Protein backbone atom coordinates (compact mmCIF):
# COMPACT_ATOMS: atom_id res chain seq x y z
CA MET A 1 119.77 4.45 102.17
CA ARG A 2 117.97 7.71 102.78
CA PRO A 3 118.95 7.94 106.46
CA SER A 4 122.55 7.47 105.47
CA ARG A 5 122.33 10.32 102.97
CA PHE A 6 120.62 12.51 105.54
CA ARG A 7 123.34 11.89 108.07
CA ALA A 8 125.99 12.67 105.48
CA ALA A 9 124.26 15.88 104.50
CA LEU A 10 123.90 16.83 108.15
CA ALA A 11 127.57 16.15 108.76
CA VAL A 12 128.52 18.28 105.77
CA THR A 13 126.29 21.10 107.04
CA VAL A 14 127.74 20.96 110.54
CA LEU A 15 131.27 20.89 109.15
CA THR A 16 130.49 23.86 106.92
CA VAL A 17 129.09 25.84 109.83
CA VAL A 18 132.16 25.05 111.93
CA LEU A 19 134.50 26.02 109.11
CA LEU A 20 132.61 29.23 108.42
CA GLY A 21 132.76 30.12 112.12
CA ALA A 22 136.47 29.44 112.23
CA VAL A 23 137.01 31.50 109.08
CA SER A 24 134.85 34.31 110.51
CA ASP A 25 136.83 34.32 113.75
CA SER A 26 140.06 34.36 111.76
CA ILE A 27 138.83 37.27 109.64
CA TYR A 28 137.74 39.15 112.76
CA ASP A 29 141.14 38.56 114.37
CA LYS A 30 142.87 39.77 111.24
CA GLN A 31 140.67 42.87 111.15
CA ARG A 32 141.52 43.61 114.77
CA GLN A 33 145.20 43.13 114.03
CA LEU A 34 144.88 45.42 111.01
CA GLN A 35 143.14 48.06 113.11
CA GLY A 36 145.91 47.78 115.67
CA LEU A 37 148.54 48.19 112.99
CA ASN A 38 146.69 51.18 111.55
CA GLY A 39 146.58 52.71 115.03
CA GLN A 40 150.29 52.11 115.47
CA ILE A 41 150.97 53.67 112.07
CA ILE A 42 148.90 56.75 112.97
CA ALA A 43 150.61 57.02 116.35
CA ALA A 44 154.03 56.67 114.70
CA ARG A 45 153.17 59.34 112.15
CA THR A 46 151.95 61.63 114.94
CA GLN A 47 155.16 61.03 116.88
CA ILE A 48 157.28 61.67 113.78
CA GLY A 49 155.37 64.87 113.08
CA ARG A 50 155.84 65.98 116.67
CA LEU A 51 159.57 65.28 116.55
CA LEU A 52 159.95 67.17 113.29
CA ALA A 53 157.97 70.10 114.66
CA GLN A 54 160.08 70.10 117.83
CA GLU A 55 163.27 70.05 115.79
CA ARG A 56 162.08 72.91 113.59
CA ALA A 57 161.00 75.00 116.58
CA LEU A 58 164.27 74.37 118.41
CA GLN A 59 166.32 75.17 115.34
CA GLY A 60 164.32 78.35 114.85
CA GLN A 61 164.96 79.48 118.43
CA ILE A 62 168.69 78.77 118.23
CA ALA A 63 168.95 80.29 114.74
CA ALA A 64 167.29 83.49 115.99
CA LEU A 65 169.75 83.73 118.87
CA ASP A 66 172.68 82.97 116.57
CA SER A 67 171.51 85.73 114.21
CA GLN A 68 171.32 88.19 117.10
CA LEU A 69 174.78 87.13 118.26
CA ARG A 70 176.19 87.72 114.77
CA THR A 71 174.50 91.13 114.58
CA VAL A 72 175.93 92.27 117.90
CA GLN A 73 179.38 90.91 117.02
CA THR A 74 179.26 92.84 113.73
CA GLN A 75 178.37 96.01 115.62
CA ILE A 76 181.29 95.43 117.97
CA ASP A 77 183.63 94.95 115.01
CA GLN A 78 182.37 98.16 113.38
CA GLU A 79 182.75 100.15 116.59
CA THR A 80 186.26 98.72 117.05
CA VAL A 81 187.27 99.93 113.58
CA LYS A 82 185.73 103.30 114.38
CA LEU A 83 187.68 103.37 117.64
CA VAL A 84 190.95 102.75 115.77
CA VAL A 85 190.19 105.61 113.33
CA ILE A 86 189.36 107.98 116.19
CA GLY A 87 192.59 106.94 117.95
CA GLN A 88 194.56 107.78 114.82
CA GLN A 89 192.79 111.14 114.54
CA ILE A 90 193.59 111.89 118.19
CA ASP A 91 197.27 111.06 117.66
CA GLN A 92 197.37 113.33 114.58
CA ALA A 93 195.59 116.11 116.45
CA LYS A 94 198.11 115.84 119.29
CA VAL A 95 201.01 116.20 116.82
CA GLU A 96 199.39 119.21 115.12
CA LEU A 97 198.61 120.78 118.50
CA ALA A 98 202.22 120.35 119.64
CA LEU A 99 203.48 121.99 116.43
CA LYS A 100 201.03 124.85 116.79
CA GLN A 101 202.01 125.37 120.42
CA ALA A 102 205.71 125.48 119.45
CA GLU A 103 204.98 127.90 116.62
CA LEU A 104 202.95 130.16 118.90
CA ALA A 105 205.65 130.07 121.56
CA GLN A 106 208.25 131.12 118.96
CA HIS A 107 206.08 133.97 117.72
CA ILE A 108 205.53 135.18 121.26
CA ALA A 109 209.28 135.03 121.91
CA ASP A 110 210.02 136.99 118.71
CA PHE A 111 207.43 139.61 119.55
CA GLY A 112 208.78 139.92 123.07
CA GLN A 113 212.33 140.33 121.76
CA ARG A 114 211.19 143.13 119.46
CA MET A 115 209.37 144.86 122.29
CA ARG A 116 212.50 144.65 124.46
CA ILE A 117 214.64 146.20 121.66
CA MET A 118 212.18 149.05 121.24
CA TYR A 119 212.12 149.63 124.98
CA LYS A 120 215.93 149.75 125.20
CA SER A 121 216.21 152.15 122.25
CA GLY A 122 213.71 154.54 123.85
CA GLN A 123 210.24 155.70 122.90
CA VAL A 124 209.81 158.20 120.03
CA SER A 125 207.01 160.75 120.48
CA GLY A 126 205.02 162.35 117.69
CA LEU A 127 206.31 165.86 118.52
CA GLU A 128 209.90 164.64 118.29
CA LEU A 129 209.20 163.25 114.82
CA VAL A 130 207.82 166.64 113.71
CA PHE A 131 210.47 168.95 115.11
CA SER A 132 213.43 166.73 114.26
CA ALA A 133 212.46 166.45 110.57
CA ALA A 134 214.80 168.22 108.17
CA ASN A 135 212.02 169.17 105.79
CA PHE A 136 208.43 168.36 104.89
CA THR A 137 209.42 165.36 102.80
CA ASP A 138 211.47 163.97 105.66
CA LEU A 139 208.49 164.55 107.96
CA MET A 140 206.11 162.62 105.72
CA ASN A 141 208.58 159.75 105.41
CA ARG A 142 208.87 159.59 109.17
CA VAL A 143 205.06 159.59 109.59
CA PHE A 144 204.64 156.76 107.03
CA PHE A 145 207.45 154.78 108.65
CA PHE A 146 205.89 155.24 112.09
CA ASN A 147 202.49 154.10 110.77
CA ASP A 148 204.11 151.03 109.22
CA ILE A 149 205.64 150.13 112.57
CA VAL A 150 202.27 150.55 114.33
CA ARG A 151 200.46 148.50 111.66
CA GLU A 152 203.10 145.75 111.87
CA ASP A 153 202.77 145.64 115.65
CA ARG A 154 199.02 145.44 115.37
CA ARG A 155 199.30 142.75 112.68
CA GLN A 156 201.59 140.64 114.84
CA VAL A 157 199.29 141.03 117.84
CA ALA A 158 196.31 140.01 115.69
CA ALA A 159 198.29 137.07 114.28
CA LEU A 160 199.20 135.94 117.79
CA GLN A 161 195.56 136.19 118.85
CA LYS A 162 194.48 134.22 115.77
CA GLU A 163 197.08 131.53 116.41
CA ARG A 164 196.01 131.30 120.04
CA ALA A 165 192.35 130.95 118.96
CA ALA A 166 193.35 128.24 116.45
CA MET A 167 195.24 126.42 119.17
CA GLU A 168 192.22 126.61 121.49
CA ALA A 169 190.04 125.26 118.67
CA MET A 170 192.48 122.37 118.17
CA LYS A 171 192.34 121.66 121.91
CA ALA A 172 188.54 121.66 121.81
CA ASP A 173 188.58 119.34 118.78
CA LEU A 174 191.00 117.04 120.58
CA GLU A 175 188.78 116.98 123.65
CA SER A 176 185.76 116.26 121.44
CA LYS A 177 187.56 113.34 119.80
CA GLN A 178 188.60 112.00 123.19
CA ALA A 179 184.99 112.24 124.40
CA GLN A 180 183.87 110.47 121.22
CA GLN A 181 186.51 107.82 121.85
CA ALA A 182 185.22 107.30 125.39
CA GLN A 183 181.67 107.01 124.06
CA VAL A 184 182.69 104.39 121.49
CA VAL A 185 184.55 102.45 124.18
CA LYS A 186 181.40 102.50 126.33
CA GLN A 187 179.28 101.36 123.37
CA ILE A 188 181.64 98.46 122.78
CA GLN A 189 181.54 97.52 126.45
CA ASP A 190 177.72 97.72 126.46
CA GLN A 191 177.54 95.60 123.31
CA LYS A 192 179.90 93.03 124.82
CA THR A 193 177.69 92.94 127.91
CA GLN A 194 174.65 92.45 125.67
CA LEU A 195 176.49 89.75 123.75
CA GLN A 196 177.33 87.90 126.96
CA ALA A 197 173.73 88.24 128.16
CA MET A 198 172.48 86.74 124.90
CA ARG A 199 174.99 83.90 125.22
CA ASP A 200 173.81 83.30 128.77
CA GLN A 201 170.21 83.34 127.54
CA ARG A 202 171.05 80.81 124.84
CA ALA A 203 172.76 78.59 127.42
CA ALA A 204 169.77 78.97 129.74
CA HIS A 205 167.45 77.98 126.91
CA GLN A 206 169.52 74.90 126.24
CA GLN A 207 169.51 74.04 129.94
CA GLN A 208 165.73 74.47 130.06
CA ILE A 209 165.38 72.26 127.00
CA ALA A 210 167.18 69.52 128.90
CA ALA A 211 165.10 70.08 132.06
CA ILE A 212 161.47 70.42 130.98
CA GLU A 213 159.26 67.37 130.40
CA ALA A 214 155.80 67.13 128.83
CA PRO A 215 153.04 67.06 131.47
CA ILE A 216 151.29 64.06 129.87
CA ASP A 217 151.81 61.62 127.01
CA GLY A 218 149.21 62.10 124.31
CA VAL A 219 148.37 63.48 120.90
CA ILE A 220 148.96 67.16 120.13
CA THR A 221 145.60 68.37 118.87
CA GLN A 222 146.56 72.03 118.49
CA GLY A 223 150.00 73.61 118.23
CA PHE A 224 151.49 76.93 119.25
CA GLY A 225 150.91 80.05 117.16
CA CYS A 226 148.29 81.58 114.90
CA THR A 227 145.07 79.58 114.68
CA SER A 228 141.68 79.78 113.02
CA TYR A 229 139.92 78.64 116.21
CA PRO A 230 137.61 81.60 117.00
CA PHE A 231 137.65 81.19 120.79
CA GLU A 232 141.41 81.74 121.11
CA PRO A 233 142.62 85.24 122.13
CA TYR A 234 142.49 87.95 119.46
CA ASP A 235 145.80 88.82 117.80
CA PRO A 236 145.82 91.32 114.91
CA SER A 237 149.28 90.17 113.80
CA CYS A 238 147.90 86.74 112.82
CA PRO A 239 146.24 86.29 109.40
CA SER A 240 143.42 84.46 111.20
CA HIS A 241 143.39 87.14 113.98
CA HIS A 242 143.62 84.50 116.71
CA PHE A 243 146.63 83.14 118.59
CA HIS A 244 147.11 79.93 120.60
CA SER A 245 149.67 80.45 123.36
CA GLY A 246 150.52 76.81 124.08
CA LEU A 247 150.04 73.16 123.13
CA ASP A 248 146.84 71.16 123.46
CA ILE A 249 147.69 67.56 124.40
CA ALA A 250 144.84 65.04 124.47
CA THR A 251 144.59 61.59 126.07
CA ASP A 252 142.13 59.78 128.37
CA TYR A 253 139.97 61.84 130.74
CA GLY A 254 141.39 61.88 134.25
CA THR A 255 144.98 61.11 133.24
CA PRO A 256 147.42 62.45 135.87
CA VAL A 257 149.14 65.68 134.82
CA HIS A 258 152.79 65.99 135.91
CA ALA A 259 154.89 69.06 136.70
CA ALA A 260 157.18 69.84 133.76
CA ASP A 261 159.85 70.99 136.23
CA GLY A 262 160.20 71.66 139.93
CA GLY A 263 158.55 74.77 141.31
CA ILE A 264 155.72 76.33 143.32
CA VAL A 265 152.12 75.41 142.49
CA HIS A 266 149.27 77.91 142.29
CA ASN A 267 145.73 76.62 141.68
CA PHE A 268 143.19 78.77 139.84
CA ALA A 269 139.67 78.54 138.46
CA MET A 270 138.56 80.89 135.66
CA GLY A 271 134.90 81.76 136.08
CA CYS A 272 132.48 83.09 133.47
CA THR A 273 131.42 86.71 133.82
CA TRP A 274 128.20 86.01 131.95
CA ASN A 275 127.29 82.82 133.85
CA PRO A 276 128.23 82.88 137.56
CA GLY A 277 129.24 79.48 138.87
CA ALA A 278 130.33 78.20 135.44
CA LEU A 279 133.92 77.92 134.24
CA CYS A 280 135.32 79.61 131.11
CA GLY A 281 138.75 80.10 129.57
CA TYR A 282 141.24 77.65 131.12
CA GLY A 283 138.62 76.36 133.58
CA ARG A 284 140.50 74.74 136.44
CA TYR A 285 144.20 75.31 135.85
CA VAL A 286 147.60 75.38 137.53
CA VAL A 287 150.37 77.97 137.16
CA MET A 288 153.83 76.89 138.32
CA VAL A 289 156.67 79.30 139.07
CA HIS A 290 160.09 77.74 138.40
CA ALA A 291 163.57 78.65 139.58
CA GLY A 292 164.78 79.12 136.00
CA GLY A 293 162.86 82.38 135.69
CA PHE A 294 159.93 80.95 133.73
CA THR A 295 156.39 79.75 134.43
CA THR A 296 154.26 76.89 133.09
CA LEU A 297 150.48 76.66 132.84
CA TYR A 298 148.26 73.56 132.75
CA GLY A 299 144.68 74.28 131.69
CA HIS A 300 141.24 72.56 131.50
CA LEU A 301 141.95 70.23 134.43
CA SER A 302 139.20 68.13 135.97
CA GLY A 303 140.77 68.68 139.39
CA TRP A 304 143.89 69.63 141.35
CA ALA A 305 146.24 67.20 143.07
CA VAL A 306 148.31 69.40 145.41
CA ALA A 307 147.56 72.30 147.71
CA GLU A 308 147.89 75.95 146.75
CA GLY A 309 151.43 77.24 147.23
CA ALA A 310 152.98 73.78 147.55
CA GLN A 311 156.56 73.33 146.37
CA VAL A 312 156.90 70.19 144.27
CA ASP A 313 159.58 68.39 142.34
CA LYS A 314 159.65 67.69 138.64
CA ASP A 315 157.22 64.95 137.49
CA THR A 316 154.97 65.37 140.57
CA VAL A 317 151.26 64.86 139.82
CA ILE A 318 149.67 68.31 140.13
CA GLY A 319 146.26 67.67 138.55
CA TYR A 320 144.14 65.54 136.25
CA GLU A 321 143.19 65.96 132.62
CA GLY A 322 139.71 67.27 132.06
CA SER A 323 137.56 69.47 129.85
CA THR A 324 136.68 72.43 132.07
CA GLY A 325 136.41 75.94 130.75
CA ASN A 326 136.51 76.69 127.03
CA SER A 327 137.14 73.14 125.85
CA THR A 328 135.77 70.86 123.14
CA GLY A 329 136.99 67.64 124.77
CA PRO A 330 139.42 66.18 127.31
CA HIS A 331 142.90 67.67 126.91
CA VAL A 332 145.56 69.73 128.70
CA HIS A 333 146.55 73.19 127.56
CA PHE A 334 150.30 73.33 128.28
CA GLU A 335 151.99 76.73 128.13
CA ILE A 336 155.51 78.04 128.84
CA ASP A 337 156.06 81.74 129.58
CA ILE A 338 159.52 83.33 129.71
CA ALA A 339 159.63 86.88 131.08
CA GLY A 340 155.84 87.04 130.70
CA THR A 341 155.86 86.07 127.02
CA PRO A 342 154.53 82.69 125.82
CA VAL A 343 156.99 80.62 123.79
CA ASP A 344 156.59 77.46 121.75
CA PRO A 345 156.79 74.51 124.19
CA LEU A 346 158.07 72.26 121.41
CA ALA A 347 161.32 74.23 121.47
CA TYR A 348 161.88 73.21 125.09
CA LEU A 349 160.51 69.68 125.32
CA PRO A 350 162.93 66.76 124.80
CA LEU A 351 162.99 65.30 121.31
CA SER A 352 162.41 61.74 122.50
């Protein structure tokens, strides 16, 4: 009887151990599945955050260009209105100048006619006025009359000179308005040229957005812009006084780093001034010069993959992720510079 009970108890124990092991394995599998799901959720959230940040950066770039385009177009509209007003003033000045020229010509003709009449009637001398006077009263009347003639002649000459000066002033004013008109026309032409350049820049930005690819797939550990990280370059315009000029993208050490676009490769190593032989800053890094008039930088590499000065196509492996230089862990510092100024890479990377 007792052996039978012992065997039963032993069987129950063995069965319990087997069941517990199976349950433990099942729990462990579920935990691994849960961890995997949590990882996928975190990765999805990171991707969503990246997409939203890219969209905001892109919208900000395009909105800034659109605002500049509207500003320049408004200036062109204002200058065009000004040009119309100046044109109307020039037309009015031409009419007034023509009237003044006709009036002056008539006055000159009248004065010439009077001079011809006086010449034909003969000149009267002062002695003739004195000796031909009938009496003293007649003499005084003749003197006053002669003075009136002289004063009238002088007045007409002065009036003609004044009218001529006024006409010259009107000509100068007309020339000034015409010069102002030419200046406004030039300003409008310059603004239209600027407007077209900005439109070309906007189109180039959009073309670059379609062309550039991220150098590696990974998690963005630090974005573009002001940062509290004390080892980033000093920038007094930032509240934190430090500025990060690119994106830090992290994945596994040694991951191949690809060219964001076709261009010429230049390999560099940033040494430490205070510790010869060591690497600081970007450590080992690559600068690529692209045909679109921009450059890209890939920092903290563990090594280079192509020779200095090599011309490579887009997506070519140019190096490997590392942690050289001023780095707290494996990642790639990815930077885009347009005309020597760093810009937010998220505004140029595809949204997928």
